[in-house]
Amino acid sequence: MEFSKFLNSSSKLNILLIISFSISANSFILYPNINNAFYVLFHLTLIYLIFYHYHYYLYFVAFIYGILFDILLLNNIGVHLITFISILLSFTLLRKYLIKLSSYQIIIIYFITLVIFLLFEQLLANLLYNYKINMSSFFNFILISLIIFIPTVFLFTKLDK
């Protein structure tokens, strides 16, 4: 029997969350783009989980990962926690409207949500902790998002089957 038969798609996505969190929170000084790619992958996975596999346990997941990202990356609690919970609440409120969209519209909203997600984190870090907004870092995230977005969506649809 295959290992994948024991896990449902939500469990597989949660394992991907753990792996992407672990790699993005570690510091590969020689290859910072690896950290950035897994940071973007974490956000893509979280958005996908919220949209397609919504369950109340995701509030706990968003809370834990928000605190861990805040402590490990910023040494302050707030930015990721607020962002993760707010994206979860907004998708919960808009869920009945989003499900009526076509698959192409959903993919566009999925990518736009990722970009807004990453920008909102930087703006909130600037407002709360006076971190300077690093536009080169933001554009690096956008470039990585453009590169890994389609393969990630393909991977997620394969995990769902």
N, C-alpha and C. Protein backbone atom coordinates (compact mmCIF):
# COMPACT_ATOMS: atom_id res chain seq x y z
N MET A 1 0.83 -1.18 0.00
CA MET A 1 0.00 0.00 0.00
C MET A 1 0.88 1.25 0.00
N GLU A 2 0.48 2.25 -0.76
CA GLU A 2 1.23 3.48 -0.82
C GLU A 2 1.02 4.32 0.43
N PHE A 3 2.04 5.12 0.73
CA PHE A 3 1.95 6.00 1.89
C PHE A 3 0.87 7.06 1.69
N SER A 4 0.68 7.49 0.45
CA SER A 4 -0.29 8.56 0.17
C SER A 4 -1.74 8.13 0.38
N LYS A 5 -1.98 6.82 0.40
CA LYS A 5 -3.35 6.35 0.63
C LYS A 5 -3.78 6.53 2.08
N PHE A 6 -2.80 6.67 2.98
CA PHE A 6 -3.12 6.85 4.39
C PHE A 6 -3.47 8.29 4.75
N LEU A 7 -3.09 9.22 3.88
CA LEU A 7 -3.29 10.63 4.16
C LEU A 7 -4.30 11.24 3.20
N ASN A 8 -5.15 12.09 3.73
CA ASN A 8 -6.02 12.83 2.84
C ASN A 8 -5.28 14.07 2.33
N SER A 9 -5.86 14.81 1.42
CA SER A 9 -5.16 15.93 0.80
C SER A 9 -4.89 17.06 1.80
N SER A 10 -5.77 17.25 2.76
CA SER A 10 -5.54 18.28 3.77
C SER A 10 -4.32 17.94 4.63
N SER A 11 -4.14 16.68 4.95
CA SER A 11 -2.96 16.26 5.72
C SER A 11 -1.69 16.46 4.91
N LYS A 12 -1.74 16.14 3.63
CA LYS A 12 -0.58 16.34 2.77
C LYS A 12 -0.21 17.81 2.69
N LEU A 13 -1.21 18.67 2.59
CA LEU A 13 -0.93 20.11 2.53
C LEU A 13 -0.38 20.62 3.85
N ASN A 14 -0.84 20.06 4.96
CA ASN A 14 -0.29 20.46 6.25
C ASN A 14 1.15 20.00 6.40
N ILE A 15 1.49 18.85 5.87
CA ILE A 15 2.89 18.40 5.87
C ILE A 15 3.74 19.34 5.02
N LEU A 16 3.19 19.77 3.88
CA LEU A 16 3.90 20.74 3.04
C LEU A 16 4.07 22.07 3.76
N LEU A 17 3.07 22.46 4.56
CA LEU A 17 3.21 23.67 5.38
C LEU A 17 4.36 23.55 6.36
N ILE A 18 4.46 22.41 7.02
CA ILE A 18 5.53 22.20 8.01
C ILE A 18 6.90 22.24 7.33
N ILE A 19 7.01 21.58 6.19
CA ILE A 19 8.29 21.54 5.48
C ILE A 19 8.67 22.94 4.98
N SER A 20 7.73 23.63 4.37
CA SER A 20 8.04 24.96 3.84
C SER A 20 8.31 25.96 4.97
N PHE A 21 7.62 25.82 6.10
CA PHE A 21 7.91 26.68 7.24
C PHE A 21 9.32 26.42 7.76
N SER A 22 9.66 25.16 7.89
CA SER A 22 10.98 24.81 8.43
C SER A 22 12.11 25.33 7.56
N ILE A 23 11.97 25.22 6.27
CA ILE A 23 13.03 25.68 5.38
C ILE A 23 13.05 27.20 5.31
N SER A 24 11.90 27.84 5.31
CA SER A 24 11.89 29.31 5.21
C SER A 24 12.33 29.97 6.51
N ALA A 25 12.15 29.33 7.64
CA ALA A 25 12.56 29.91 8.91
C ALA A 25 14.05 29.72 9.17
N ASN A 26 14.67 28.70 8.58
CA ASN A 26 16.12 28.51 8.70
C ASN A 26 16.82 29.50 7.80
N SER A 27 18.06 29.75 8.12
CA SER A 27 18.78 30.74 7.32
C SER A 27 19.87 30.06 6.51
N PHE A 28 19.62 29.91 5.22
CA PHE A 28 20.62 29.46 4.27
C PHE A 28 21.30 30.72 3.75
N ILE A 29 22.39 31.10 4.39
CA ILE A 29 23.04 32.35 4.05
C ILE A 29 23.55 32.33 2.61
N LEU A 30 24.04 31.19 2.15
CA LEU A 30 24.58 31.11 0.79
C LEU A 30 23.49 31.20 -0.27
N TYR A 31 22.29 30.73 0.05
CA TYR A 31 21.19 30.70 -0.92
C TYR A 31 19.93 31.33 -0.32
N PRO A 32 19.87 32.65 -0.23
CA PRO A 32 18.68 33.27 0.37
C PRO A 32 17.41 33.08 -0.46
N ASN A 33 17.57 32.83 -1.77
CA ASN A 33 16.39 32.63 -2.60
C ASN A 33 15.68 31.32 -2.28
N ILE A 34 16.40 30.36 -1.70
CA ILE A 34 15.74 29.12 -1.26
C ILE A 34 14.78 29.45 -0.13
N ASN A 35 15.24 30.26 0.82
CA ASN A 35 14.35 30.68 1.91
C ASN A 35 13.15 31.45 1.37
N ASN A 36 13.40 32.35 0.44
CA ASN A 36 12.32 33.15 -0.13
C ASN A 36 11.33 32.28 -0.90
N ALA A 37 11.84 31.29 -1.63
CA ALA A 37 10.95 30.41 -2.39
C ALA A 37 10.06 29.60 -1.46
N PHE A 38 10.63 29.09 -0.39
CA PHE A 38 9.81 28.32 0.54
C PHE A 38 8.90 29.21 1.38
N TYR A 39 9.29 30.47 1.58
CA TYR A 39 8.42 31.44 2.25
C TYR A 39 7.18 31.70 1.38
N VAL A 40 7.39 31.88 0.09
CA VAL A 40 6.28 32.08 -0.84
C VAL A 40 5.44 30.80 -0.93
N LEU A 41 6.11 29.64 -0.97
CA LEU A 41 5.39 28.37 -1.02
C LEU A 41 4.52 28.18 0.22
N PHE A 42 5.02 28.59 1.37
CA PHE A 42 4.21 28.52 2.59
C PHE A 42 2.95 29.34 2.44
N HIS A 43 3.08 30.56 1.95
CA HIS A 43 1.92 31.42 1.79
C HIS A 43 0.94 30.85 0.76
N LEU A 44 1.48 30.33 -0.34
CA LEU A 44 0.61 29.71 -1.34
C LEU A 44 -0.15 28.52 -0.75
N THR A 45 0.54 27.72 0.02
CA THR A 45 -0.10 26.54 0.64
C THR A 45 -1.16 26.96 1.63
N LEU A 46 -0.87 27.97 2.43
CA LEU A 46 -1.84 28.44 3.41
C LEU A 46 -3.09 29.00 2.73
N ILE A 47 -2.90 29.77 1.68
CA ILE A 47 -4.05 30.32 0.96
C ILE A 47 -4.86 29.19 0.33
N TYR A 48 -4.19 28.22 -0.25
CA TYR A 48 -4.88 27.08 -0.86
C TYR A 48 -5.66 26.29 0.19
N LEU A 49 -5.05 26.06 1.34
CA LEU A 49 -5.74 25.35 2.42
C LEU A 49 -6.98 26.11 2.87
N ILE A 50 -6.84 27.40 3.02
CA ILE A 50 -7.97 28.21 3.47
C ILE A 50 -9.09 28.18 2.44
N PHE A 51 -8.74 28.28 1.17
CA PHE A 51 -9.77 28.37 0.15
C PHE A 51 -10.44 27.04 -0.14
N TYR A 52 -9.67 25.98 -0.28
CA TYR A 52 -10.22 24.70 -0.71
C TYR A 52 -10.47 23.70 0.41
N HIS A 53 -9.80 23.85 1.53
CA HIS A 53 -9.93 22.88 2.62
C HIS A 53 -10.25 23.60 3.93
N TYR A 54 -11.18 24.53 3.86
CA TYR A 54 -11.50 25.31 5.05
C TYR A 54 -12.06 24.42 6.16
N HIS A 55 -11.51 24.62 7.34
CA HIS A 55 -11.99 23.97 8.54
C HIS A 55 -11.60 24.87 9.71
N TYR A 56 -12.28 24.71 10.83
CA TYR A 56 -12.02 25.58 11.98
C TYR A 56 -10.63 25.38 12.57
N TYR A 57 -10.00 24.23 12.36
CA TYR A 57 -8.65 24.02 12.89
C TYR A 57 -7.65 24.97 12.23
N LEU A 58 -7.99 25.56 11.08
CA LEU A 58 -7.08 26.47 10.41
C LEU A 58 -6.84 27.75 11.21
N TYR A 59 -7.78 28.13 12.08
CA TYR A 59 -7.54 29.27 12.96
C TYR A 59 -6.38 28.97 13.91
N PHE A 60 -6.35 27.75 14.44
CA PHE A 60 -5.26 27.33 15.31
C PHE A 60 -3.95 27.26 14.53
N VAL A 61 -4.00 26.70 13.33
CA VAL A 61 -2.81 26.60 12.48
C VAL A 61 -2.28 27.98 12.14
N ALA A 62 -3.15 28.89 11.75
CA ALA A 62 -2.73 30.26 11.41
C ALA A 62 -2.16 30.96 12.64
N PHE A 63 -2.74 30.74 13.79
CA PHE A 63 -2.26 31.34 15.03
C PHE A 63 -0.86 30.85 15.37
N ILE A 64 -0.65 29.54 15.31
CA ILE A 64 0.66 28.96 15.66
C ILE A 64 1.73 29.41 14.66
N TYR A 65 1.45 29.27 13.37
CA TYR A 65 2.45 29.66 12.37
C TYR A 65 2.69 31.17 12.38
N GLY A 66 1.65 31.96 12.64
CA GLY A 66 1.82 33.40 12.73
C GLY A 66 2.77 33.79 13.85
N ILE A 67 2.58 33.19 15.01
CA ILE A 67 3.46 33.48 16.14
C ILE A 67 4.88 32.99 15.87
N LEU A 68 5.01 31.78 15.32
CA LEU A 68 6.34 31.24 15.04
C LEU A 68 7.09 32.07 14.01
N PHE A 69 6.42 32.47 12.93
CA PHE A 69 7.08 33.33 11.93
C PHE A 69 7.47 34.66 12.55
N ASP A 70 6.58 35.24 13.36
CA ASP A 70 6.90 36.52 13.98
C ASP A 70 8.11 36.43 14.89
N ILE A 71 8.17 35.39 15.69
CA ILE A 71 9.28 35.25 16.62
C ILE A 71 10.58 34.95 15.87
N LEU A 72 10.53 34.04 14.93
CA LEU A 72 11.75 33.62 14.25
C LEU A 72 12.27 34.62 13.23
N LEU A 73 11.39 35.33 12.55
CA LEU A 73 11.83 36.25 11.51
C LEU A 73 11.91 37.71 11.96
N LEU A 74 11.04 38.12 12.86
CA LEU A 74 10.97 39.54 13.22
C LEU A 74 11.32 39.83 14.68
N ASN A 75 11.36 38.82 15.51
CA ASN A 75 11.59 38.97 16.95
C ASN A 75 10.51 39.81 17.64
N ASN A 76 9.37 39.94 17.02
CA ASN A 76 8.21 40.62 17.57
C ASN A 76 6.97 39.85 17.14
N ILE A 77 5.96 39.88 17.97
CA ILE A 77 4.73 39.18 17.63
C ILE A 77 3.72 40.18 17.08
N GLY A 78 3.09 39.84 15.96
CA GLY A 78 2.04 40.69 15.44
C GLY A 78 1.84 40.65 13.95
N VAL A 79 2.89 40.83 13.16
CA VAL A 79 2.74 41.03 11.73
C VAL A 79 2.16 39.81 11.04
N HIS A 80 2.80 38.67 11.16
CA HIS A 80 2.31 37.47 10.50
C HIS A 80 1.02 36.98 11.15
N LEU A 81 0.93 37.10 12.44
CA LEU A 81 -0.28 36.66 13.15
C LEU A 81 -1.50 37.43 12.66
N ILE A 82 -1.39 38.74 12.60
CA ILE A 82 -2.50 39.58 12.13
C ILE A 82 -2.82 39.26 10.67
N THR A 83 -1.79 39.10 9.86
CA THR A 83 -2.00 38.84 8.44
C THR A 83 -2.66 37.50 8.21
N PHE A 84 -2.19 36.46 8.88
CA PHE A 84 -2.76 35.12 8.68
C PHE A 84 -4.20 35.06 9.15
N ILE A 85 -4.49 35.63 10.30
CA ILE A 85 -5.86 35.60 10.81
C ILE A 85 -6.78 36.46 9.95
N SER A 86 -6.28 37.61 9.48
CA SER A 86 -7.14 38.48 8.65
C SER A 86 -7.44 37.84 7.30
N ILE A 87 -6.46 37.15 6.71
CA ILE A 87 -6.74 36.50 5.43
C ILE A 87 -7.72 35.35 5.63
N LEU A 88 -7.60 34.66 6.75
CA LEU A 88 -8.53 33.58 7.06
C LEU A 88 -9.94 34.12 7.26
N LEU A 89 -10.07 35.20 7.99
CA LEU A 89 -11.39 35.80 8.20
C LEU A 89 -11.99 36.34 6.90
N SER A 90 -11.16 36.99 6.07
CA SER A 90 -11.70 37.55 4.83
C SER A 90 -12.15 36.44 3.87
N PHE A 91 -11.40 35.34 3.78
CA PHE A 91 -11.83 34.24 2.93
C PHE A 91 -13.08 33.57 3.50
N THR A 92 -13.19 33.53 4.81
CA THR A 92 -14.38 32.96 5.43
C THR A 92 -15.61 33.79 5.09
N LEU A 93 -15.47 35.11 5.15
CA LEU A 93 -16.60 35.98 4.85
C LEU A 93 -16.96 36.00 3.36
N LEU A 94 -15.97 35.86 2.50
CA LEU A 94 -16.21 35.93 1.06
C LEU A 94 -16.35 34.57 0.39
N ARG A 95 -16.33 33.52 1.15
CA ARG A 95 -16.31 32.16 0.61
C ARG A 95 -17.50 31.86 -0.32
N LYS A 96 -18.69 32.27 0.07
CA LYS A 96 -19.86 31.93 -0.76
C LYS A 96 -19.83 32.66 -2.10
N TYR A 97 -19.13 33.80 -2.17
CA TYR A 97 -19.01 34.51 -3.45
C TYR A 97 -17.86 33.95 -4.28
N LEU A 98 -16.80 33.54 -3.62
CA LEU A 98 -15.62 33.05 -4.33
C LEU A 98 -15.87 31.70 -4.99
N ILE A 99 -16.71 30.89 -4.41
CA ILE A 99 -16.97 29.56 -4.97
C ILE A 99 -17.73 29.64 -6.29
N LYS A 100 -18.45 30.73 -6.51
CA LYS A 100 -19.21 30.89 -7.74
C LYS A 100 -18.33 31.30 -8.93
N LEU A 101 -17.06 31.59 -8.69
CA LEU A 101 -16.18 32.04 -9.76
C LEU A 101 -15.69 30.88 -10.61
N SER A 102 -15.26 31.20 -11.82
CA SER A 102 -14.69 30.17 -12.70
C SER A 102 -13.27 29.83 -12.22
N SER A 103 -12.71 28.77 -12.78
CA SER A 103 -11.39 28.34 -12.34
C SER A 103 -10.32 29.37 -12.68
N TYR A 104 -10.43 30.04 -13.82
CA TYR A 104 -9.46 31.07 -14.18
C TYR A 104 -9.57 32.28 -13.25
N GLN A 105 -10.76 32.65 -12.90
CA GLN A 105 -10.94 33.76 -11.97
C GLN A 105 -10.40 33.40 -10.58
N ILE A 106 -10.58 32.16 -10.18
CA ILE A 106 -10.05 31.72 -8.89
C ILE A 106 -8.53 31.77 -8.88
N ILE A 107 -7.90 31.35 -9.97
CA ILE A 107 -6.44 31.37 -10.05
C ILE A 107 -5.92 32.81 -10.00
N ILE A 108 -6.60 33.71 -10.68
CA ILE A 108 -6.19 35.12 -10.65
C ILE A 108 -6.36 35.69 -9.24
N ILE A 109 -7.47 35.38 -8.59
CA ILE A 109 -7.68 35.87 -7.23
C ILE A 109 -6.67 35.24 -6.27
N TYR A 110 -6.33 34.00 -6.51
CA TYR A 110 -5.33 33.29 -5.71
C TYR A 110 -3.98 34.00 -5.80
N PHE A 111 -3.55 34.37 -7.00
CA PHE A 111 -2.27 35.07 -7.16
C PHE A 111 -2.34 36.48 -6.59
N ILE A 112 -3.42 37.19 -6.85
CA ILE A 112 -3.56 38.55 -6.32
C ILE A 112 -3.57 38.53 -4.79
N THR A 113 -4.20 37.52 -4.20
CA THR A 113 -4.21 37.38 -2.75
C THR A 113 -2.79 37.18 -2.23
N LEU A 114 -2.00 36.39 -2.93
CA LEU A 114 -0.62 36.18 -2.51
C LEU A 114 0.17 37.48 -2.54
N VAL A 115 0.02 38.26 -3.60
CA VAL A 115 0.75 39.52 -3.71
C VAL A 115 0.30 40.49 -2.62
N ILE A 116 -1.00 40.57 -2.39
CA ILE A 116 -1.52 41.46 -1.33
C ILE A 116 -1.04 40.98 0.04
N PHE A 117 -1.03 39.68 0.22
CA PHE A 117 -0.55 39.05 1.45
C PHE A 117 0.89 39.49 1.75
N LEU A 118 1.77 39.37 0.78
CA LEU A 118 3.18 39.70 0.97
C LEU A 118 3.38 41.20 1.17
N LEU A 119 2.64 42.02 0.43
CA LEU A 119 2.74 43.47 0.58
C LEU A 119 2.19 43.92 1.93
N PHE A 120 1.07 43.34 2.34
CA PHE A 120 0.46 43.70 3.62
C PHE A 120 1.39 43.37 4.79
N GLU A 121 2.13 42.27 4.69
CA GLU A 121 3.07 41.93 5.75
C GLU A 121 4.16 42.98 5.87
N GLN A 122 4.67 43.45 4.73
CA GLN A 122 5.72 44.46 4.78
C GLN A 122 5.18 45.80 5.29
N LEU A 123 3.98 46.16 4.84
CA LEU A 123 3.39 47.42 5.32
C LEU A 123 3.10 47.37 6.82
N LEU A 124 2.60 46.25 7.28
CA LEU A 124 2.30 46.10 8.70
C LEU A 124 3.57 46.11 9.54
N ALA A 125 4.63 45.50 9.04
CA ALA A 125 5.92 45.53 9.76
C ALA A 125 6.46 46.95 9.83
N ASN A 126 6.21 47.72 8.77
CA ASN A 126 6.64 49.12 8.79
C ASN A 126 5.82 49.92 9.80
N LEU A 127 4.53 49.69 9.83
CA LEU A 127 3.68 50.45 10.76
C LEU A 127 3.90 50.06 12.22
N LEU A 128 4.00 48.77 12.48
CA LEU A 128 4.11 48.32 13.87
C LEU A 128 5.51 48.44 14.45
N TYR A 129 6.52 48.09 13.66
CA TYR A 129 7.87 47.99 14.21
C TYR A 129 8.89 48.86 13.49
N ASN A 130 8.42 49.73 12.61
CA ASN A 130 9.26 50.68 11.91
C ASN A 130 10.34 49.99 11.07
N TYR A 131 10.03 48.82 10.53
CA TYR A 131 10.93 48.17 9.58
C TYR A 131 10.79 48.89 8.25
N LYS A 132 11.91 49.12 7.60
CA LYS A 132 11.86 49.78 6.31
C LYS A 132 11.31 48.81 5.27
N ILE A 133 10.45 49.33 4.42
CA ILE A 133 9.90 48.52 3.33
C ILE A 133 11.00 48.32 2.30
N ASN A 134 11.32 47.07 2.06
CA ASN A 134 12.38 46.72 1.12
C ASN A 134 11.72 46.30 -0.18
N MET A 135 11.68 47.23 -1.13
CA MET A 135 11.01 46.95 -2.40
C MET A 135 11.76 45.92 -3.23
N SER A 136 13.08 45.87 -3.12
CA SER A 136 13.82 44.84 -3.86
C SER A 136 13.46 43.45 -3.34
N SER A 137 13.29 43.33 -2.04
CA SER A 137 12.85 42.06 -1.45
C SER A 137 11.44 41.71 -1.89
N PHE A 138 10.57 42.72 -1.93
CA PHE A 138 9.20 42.49 -2.36
C PHE A 138 9.16 42.05 -3.82
N PHE A 139 9.94 42.71 -4.68
CA PHE A 139 9.97 42.30 -6.09
C PHE A 139 10.61 40.93 -6.26
N ASN A 140 11.55 40.58 -5.39
CA ASN A 140 12.12 39.24 -5.41
C ASN A 140 11.04 38.21 -5.07
N PHE A 141 10.20 38.52 -4.08
CA PHE A 141 9.08 37.63 -3.75
C PHE A 141 8.11 37.50 -4.92
N ILE A 142 7.85 38.60 -5.60
CA ILE A 142 6.93 38.58 -6.75
C ILE A 142 7.53 37.74 -7.87
N LEU A 143 8.81 37.90 -8.14
CA LEU A 143 9.46 37.12 -9.19
C LEU A 143 9.44 35.63 -8.85
N ILE A 144 9.74 35.29 -7.62
CA ILE A 144 9.67 33.89 -7.18
C ILE A 144 8.24 33.38 -7.28
N SER A 145 7.28 34.22 -6.92
CA SER A 145 5.87 33.82 -7.02
C SER A 145 5.48 33.52 -8.47
N LEU A 146 5.94 34.35 -9.38
CA LEU A 146 5.64 34.11 -10.79
C LEU A 146 6.26 32.81 -11.29
N ILE A 147 7.43 32.49 -10.78
CA ILE A 147 8.12 31.27 -11.22
C ILE A 147 7.46 30.02 -10.67
N ILE A 148 7.10 30.03 -9.38
CA ILE A 148 6.61 28.80 -8.76
C ILE A 148 5.09 28.69 -8.70
N PHE A 149 4.38 29.70 -9.16
CA PHE A 149 2.93 29.69 -9.01
C PHE A 149 2.26 28.56 -9.78
N ILE A 150 2.49 28.47 -11.06
CA ILE A 150 1.83 27.45 -11.89
C ILE A 150 2.24 26.04 -11.47
N PRO A 151 3.53 25.75 -11.25
CA PRO A 151 3.87 24.40 -10.76
C PRO A 151 3.24 24.07 -9.41
N THR A 152 3.11 25.08 -8.57
CA THR A 152 2.50 24.85 -7.25
C THR A 152 1.02 24.54 -7.39
N VAL A 153 0.33 25.27 -8.23
CA VAL A 153 -1.10 24.99 -8.45
C VAL A 153 -1.27 23.59 -9.03
N PHE A 154 -0.39 23.22 -9.95
CA PHE A 154 -0.42 21.87 -10.52
C PHE A 154 -0.17 20.82 -9.43
N LEU A 155 0.80 21.07 -8.57
CA LEU A 155 1.09 20.15 -7.47
C LEU A 155 -0.09 20.01 -6.52
N PHE A 156 -0.73 21.13 -6.19
CA PHE A 156 -1.86 21.08 -5.28
C PHE A 156 -3.04 20.32 -5.87
N THR A 157 -3.27 20.49 -7.16
CA THR A 157 -4.37 19.74 -7.78
C THR A 157 -4.05 18.25 -7.82
N LYS A 158 -2.78 17.90 -7.98
CA LYS A 158 -2.39 16.49 -7.94
C LYS A 158 -2.53 15.93 -6.52
N LEU A 159 -2.22 16.73 -5.53
CA LEU A 159 -2.37 16.28 -4.14
C LEU A 159 -3.83 16.09 -3.76
N ASP A 160 -4.70 16.85 -4.38
CA ASP A 160 -6.13 16.73 -4.09
C ASP A 160 -6.76 15.49 -4.69
N LYS A 161 -6.14 14.92 -5.69
CA LYS A 161 -6.72 13.75 -6.35
C LYS A 161 -6.36 12.49 -5.63
